[in-house]
Amino acid sequence: MLEVTPTIHIADDELHESFVRSSGPGGQNVNKVASAVELRFDVANSPSLPDAVRARLLARRDRRLTDEGVLVISASRFRDQGRNREDARLRLAEIVRAATVVAKKRIATKPSKGSQERRLQEKKTRSAHKRGRSKQWKDE
């Protein structure tokens, strides 16, 4: 059982782990030990997630999320399988925990009259300053 928040728990049978060989340096160990973990969690069909959290997770533009709504997390930071497995589970919990936070609604505002006038005045001043840098040709 993976505890994400005090109210959200993900059962172990919803998590599908596969172990693959890790890439990168490591000598003989990397060639014979499958220490990297690929954790799959079906967000779209999970009974553990509230509907609002599921909708926020599926709405994210995350490359780890497949078209079918499966979240795939690859963990190969450590050399041993157990630590990579724990790392993948912690990262999954962090992703789901981030989806529990409701984004604050943006309130549309518009600039004040004074700030608009100051901006236009600054633009005019800057324009005149730059115009003064150019060579001025006089008719003789």
C-alpha atoms as a PDB file:
ATOM      1  CA  MET A   1       0.000   0.000   0.000  1.00  0.00           C
ATOM      2  CA  LEU A   2       1.443   3.348  -1.098  1.00  0.00           C
ATOM      3  CA  GLU A   3       0.272   6.279   1.030  1.00  0.00           C
ATOM      4  CA  VAL A   4       0.128   9.485  -1.001  1.00  0.00           C
ATOM      5  CA  THR A   5      -1.851  11.637   1.429  1.00  0.00           C
ATOM      6  CA  PRO A   6      -3.764  10.689   4.594  1.00  0.00           C
ATOM      7  CA  THR A   7      -6.873  10.211   2.429  1.00  0.00           C
ATOM      8  CA  ILE A   8      -5.358   8.755  -0.770  1.00  0.00           C
ATOM      9  CA  HIS A   9      -3.807   5.279  -0.748  1.00  0.00           C
ATOM     10  CA  ILE A  10      -2.781   3.291  -3.812  1.00  0.00           C
ATOM     11  CA  ALA A  11      -2.989  -0.490  -3.521  1.00  0.00           C
ATOM     12  CA  ASP A  12       0.045  -2.544  -4.526  1.00  0.00           C
ATOM     13  CA  ASP A  13      -1.975  -4.501  -7.111  1.00  0.00           C
ATOM     14  CA  GLU A  14      -2.547  -1.253  -9.061  1.00  0.00           C
ATOM     15  CA  LEU A  15       1.201  -0.750  -9.479  1.00  0.00           C
ATOM     16  CA  HIS A  16       2.914  -2.805 -12.179  1.00  0.00           C
ATOM     17  CA  GLU A  17       6.685  -2.970 -11.849  1.00  0.00           C
ATOM     18  CA  SER A  18       9.091  -4.401 -14.376  1.00  0.00           C
ATOM     19  CA  PHE A  19      12.825  -4.606 -13.889  1.00  0.00           C
ATOM     20  CA  VAL A  20      15.196  -3.864 -16.754  1.00  0.00           C
ATOM     21  CA  ARG A  21      18.926  -3.478 -17.148  1.00  0.00           C
ATOM     22  CA  SER A  22      20.136  -0.028 -16.315  1.00  0.00           C
ATOM     23  CA  SER A  23      22.162   2.009 -18.801  1.00  0.00           C
ATOM     24  CA  GLY A  24      25.399   3.855 -18.183  1.00  0.00           C
ATOM     25  CA  PRO A  25      28.640   2.953 -16.443  1.00  0.00           C
ATOM     26  CA  GLY A  26      28.779   0.197 -13.858  1.00  0.00           C
ATOM     27  CA  GLY A  27      31.183  -2.447 -15.082  1.00  0.00           C
ATOM     28  CA  GLN A  28      30.101  -6.073 -15.139  1.00  0.00           C
ATOM     29  CA  ASN A  29      27.266  -5.385 -12.720  1.00  0.00           C
ATOM     30  CA  VAL A  30      25.300  -3.327 -15.252  1.00  0.00           C
ATOM     31  CA  ASN A  31      25.410  -6.180 -17.795  1.00  0.00           C
ATOM     32  CA  LYS A  32      24.004  -8.899 -15.558  1.00  0.00           C
ATOM     33  CA  VAL A  33      21.689  -7.240 -13.017  1.00  0.00           C
ATOM     34  CA  ALA A  34      18.270  -5.765 -13.839  1.00  0.00           C
ATOM     35  CA  SER A  35      18.385  -2.911 -11.337  1.00  0.00           C
ATOM     36  CA  ALA A  36      16.340  -0.250 -13.147  1.00  0.00           C
ATOM     37  CA  VAL A  37      12.602  -0.136 -12.381  1.00  0.00           C
ATOM     38  CA  GLU A  38       9.768   0.781 -14.736  1.00  0.00           C
ATOM     39  CA  LEU A  39       6.663   1.535 -12.675  1.00  0.00           C
ATOM     40  CA  ARG A  40       3.278   1.690 -14.439  1.00  0.00           C
ATOM     41  CA  PHE A  41       0.163   3.144 -12.835  1.00  0.00           C
ATOM     42  CA  ASP A  42      -3.180   3.265 -14.662  1.00  0.00           C
ATOM     43  CA  VAL A  43      -4.442   6.733 -13.760  1.00  0.00           C
ATOM     44  CA  ALA A  44      -7.547   6.555 -15.950  1.00  0.00           C
ATOM     45  CA  ASN A  45      -8.948   3.369 -14.353  1.00  0.00           C
ATOM     46  CA  SER A  46      -7.654   3.614 -10.789  1.00  0.00           C
ATOM     47  CA  PRO A  47     -10.330   3.252  -8.091  1.00  0.00           C
ATOM     48  CA  SER A  48      -7.952   4.772  -5.507  1.00  0.00           C
ATOM     49  CA  LEU A  49      -7.990   8.276  -6.977  1.00  0.00           C
ATOM     50  CA  PRO A  50     -10.766  10.824  -6.436  1.00  0.00           C
ATOM     51  CA  ASP A  51     -12.333  12.062  -9.686  1.00  0.00           C
ATOM     52  CA  ALA A  52     -10.919  15.595  -9.321  1.00  0.00           C
ATOM     53  CA  VAL A  53      -7.349  14.332  -8.835  1.00  0.00           C
ATOM     54  CA  ARG A  54      -7.697  11.895 -11.746  1.00  0.00           C
ATOM     55  CA  ALA A  55      -8.932  14.700 -14.018  1.00  0.00           C
ATOM     56  CA  ARG A  56      -6.021  16.962 -13.029  1.00  0.00           C
ATOM     57  CA  LEU A  57      -3.487  14.161 -13.613  1.00  0.00           C
ATOM     58  CA  LEU A  58      -4.913  13.338 -17.033  1.00  0.00           C
ATOM     59  CA  ALA A  59      -5.056  17.025 -18.004  1.00  0.00           C
ATOM     60  CA  ARG A  60      -1.334  17.504 -17.358  1.00  0.00           C
ATOM     61  CA  ARG A  61       0.852  17.660 -20.422  1.00  0.00           C
ATOM     62  CA  ASP A  62       3.316  15.083 -19.164  1.00  0.00           C
ATOM     63  CA  ARG A  63       5.426  12.944 -21.488  1.00  0.00           C
ATOM     64  CA  ARG A  64       5.330  10.113 -18.929  1.00  0.00           C
ATOM     65  CA  LEU A  65       1.564   9.767 -19.447  1.00  0.00           C
ATOM     66  CA  THR A  66       0.513   7.477 -22.322  1.00  0.00           C
ATOM     67  CA  ASP A  67      -2.534   7.995 -24.545  1.00  0.00           C
ATOM     68  CA  GLU A  68      -4.363   5.290 -22.572  1.00  0.00           C
ATOM     69  CA  GLY A  69      -3.870   7.201 -19.311  1.00  0.00           C
ATOM     70  CA  VAL A  70      -1.043   5.071 -17.899  1.00  0.00           C
ATOM     71  CA  LEU A  71       1.695   6.891 -15.990  1.00  0.00           C
ATOM     72  CA  VAL A  72       5.135   5.334 -16.630  1.00  0.00           C
ATOM     73  CA  ILE A  73       7.982   6.167 -14.248  1.00  0.00           C
ATOM     74  CA  SER A  74      11.514   4.921 -14.915  1.00  0.00           C
ATOM     75  CA  ALA A  75      13.937   4.848 -12.001  1.00  0.00           C
ATOM     76  CA  SER A  76      17.605   3.981 -12.480  1.00  0.00           C
ATOM     77  CA  ARG A  77      19.337   6.476 -10.226  1.00  0.00           C
ATOM     78  CA  PHE A  78      20.725   3.861  -7.833  1.00  0.00           C
ATOM     79  CA  ARG A  79      22.736   0.688  -8.390  1.00  0.00           C
ATOM     80  CA  ASP A  80      20.431  -1.653  -6.502  1.00  0.00           C
ATOM     81  CA  GLN A  81      16.901  -2.667  -7.372  1.00  0.00           C
ATOM     82  CA  GLY A  82      15.338  -2.010  -3.981  1.00  0.00           C
ATOM     83  CA  ARG A  83      16.390   1.635  -3.828  1.00  0.00           C
ATOM     84  CA  ASN A  84      15.249   2.226  -7.425  1.00  0.00           C
ATOM     85  CA  ARG A  85      11.901   0.631  -6.595  1.00  0.00           C
ATOM     86  CA  GLU A  86      11.473   2.899  -3.574  1.00  0.00           C
ATOM     87  CA  ASP A  87      12.555   5.927  -5.649  1.00  0.00           C
ATOM     88  CA  ALA A  88       9.928   5.161  -8.326  1.00  0.00           C
ATOM     89  CA  ARG A  89       7.185   4.814  -5.686  1.00  0.00           C
ATOM     90  CA  LEU A  90       8.182   8.078  -4.012  1.00  0.00           C
ATOM     91  CA  ARG A  91       8.153   9.891  -7.350  1.00  0.00           C
ATOM     92  CA  LEU A  92       4.691   8.497  -8.138  1.00  0.00           C
ATOM     93  CA  ALA A  93       3.432   9.668  -4.747  1.00  0.00           C
ATOM     94  CA  GLU A  94       4.898  13.129  -5.377  1.00  0.00           C
ATOM     95  CA  ILE A  95       3.199  13.398  -8.796  1.00  0.00           C
ATOM     96  CA  VAL A  96      -0.188  12.381  -7.378  1.00  0.00           C
ATOM     97  CA  ARG A  97       0.298  14.682  -4.364  1.00  0.00           C
ATOM     98  CA  ALA A  98       0.981  17.606  -6.729  1.00  0.00           C
ATOM     99  CA  ALA A  99      -2.314  16.853  -8.521  1.00  0.00           C
ATOM    100  CA  THR A 100      -4.258  17.174  -5.259  1.00  0.00           C
ATOM    101  CA  VAL A 101      -3.503  20.900  -5.142  1.00  0.00           C
ATOM    102  CA  VAL A 102      -6.182  22.959  -6.857  1.00  0.00           C
ATOM    103  CA  ALA A 103      -4.730  25.774  -8.968  1.00  0.00           C
ATOM    104  CA  LYS A 104      -5.768  29.243  -7.868  1.00  0.00           C
ATOM    105  CA  LYS A 105      -8.121  30.906 -10.305  1.00  0.00           C
ATOM    106  CA  ARG A 106      -6.623  33.891 -12.093  1.00  0.00           C
ATOM    107  CA  ILE A 107      -8.424  37.186 -11.664  1.00  0.00           C
ATOM    108  CA  ALA A 108      -8.297  39.325 -14.790  1.00  0.00           C
ATOM    109  CA  THR A 109      -6.958  42.808 -14.114  1.00  0.00           C
ATOM    110  CA  LYS A 110      -6.185  45.816 -16.241  1.00  0.00           C
ATOM    111  CA  PRO A 111      -3.550  48.509 -15.796  1.00  0.00           C
ATOM    112  CA  SER A 112      -4.540  51.801 -14.191  1.00  0.00           C
ATOM    113  CA  LYS A 113      -4.827  55.044 -16.201  1.00  0.00           C
ATOM    114  CA  GLY A 114      -1.769  56.458 -14.476  1.00  0.00           C
ATOM    115  CA  SER A 115       0.399  53.435 -15.262  1.00  0.00           C
ATOM    116  CA  GLN A 116      -0.713  53.528 -18.907  1.00  0.00           C
ATOM    117  CA  GLU A 117       0.186  57.228 -19.175  1.00  0.00           C
ATOM    118  CA  ARG A 118       3.568  56.686 -17.471  1.00  0.00           C
ATOM    119  CA  ARG A 119       4.339  53.857 -19.883  1.00  0.00           C
ATOM    120  CA  LEU A 120       3.502  55.975 -22.936  1.00  0.00           C
ATOM    121  CA  GLN A 121       5.532  58.900 -21.571  1.00  0.00           C
ATOM    122  CA  GLU A 122       8.532  56.608 -20.990  1.00  0.00           C
ATOM    123  CA  LYS A 123       8.209  55.282 -24.546  1.00  0.00           C
ATOM    124  CA  LYS A 124       8.205  58.828 -25.928  1.00  0.00           C
ATOM    125  CA  THR A 125      11.233  59.782 -23.826  1.00  0.00           C
ATOM    126  CA  ARG A 126      13.144  56.666 -24.912  1.00  0.00           C
ATOM    127  CA  SER A 127      12.243  57.296 -28.569  1.00  0.00           C
ATOM    128  CA  ALA A 128      13.479  60.889 -28.394  1.00  0.00           C
ATOM    129  CA  HIS A 129      16.695  59.735 -26.716  1.00  0.00           C
ATOM    130  CA  LYS A 130      17.360  57.194 -29.480  1.00  0.00           C
ATOM    131  CA  ARG A 131      16.420  59.680 -32.197  1.00  0.00           C
ATOM    132  CA  GLY A 132      19.048  62.035 -30.791  1.00  0.00           C
ATOM    133  CA  ARG A 133      21.792  59.445 -31.364  1.00  0.00           C
ATOM    134  CA  SER A 134      21.412  59.431 -35.167  1.00  0.00           C
ATOM    135  CA  LYS A 135      23.312  61.769 -37.433  1.00  0.00           C
ATOM    136  CA  GLN A 136      21.265  64.759 -38.414  1.00  0.00           C
ATOM    137  CA  TRP A 137      21.795  65.951 -41.991  1.00  0.00           C
ATOM    138  CA  LYS A 138      21.296  69.655 -42.630  1.00  0.00           C
ATOM    139  CA  ASP A 139      20.553  71.142 -46.019  1.00  0.00           C
ATOM    140  CA  GLU A 140      23.274  73.601 -46.938  1.00  0.00           C
END
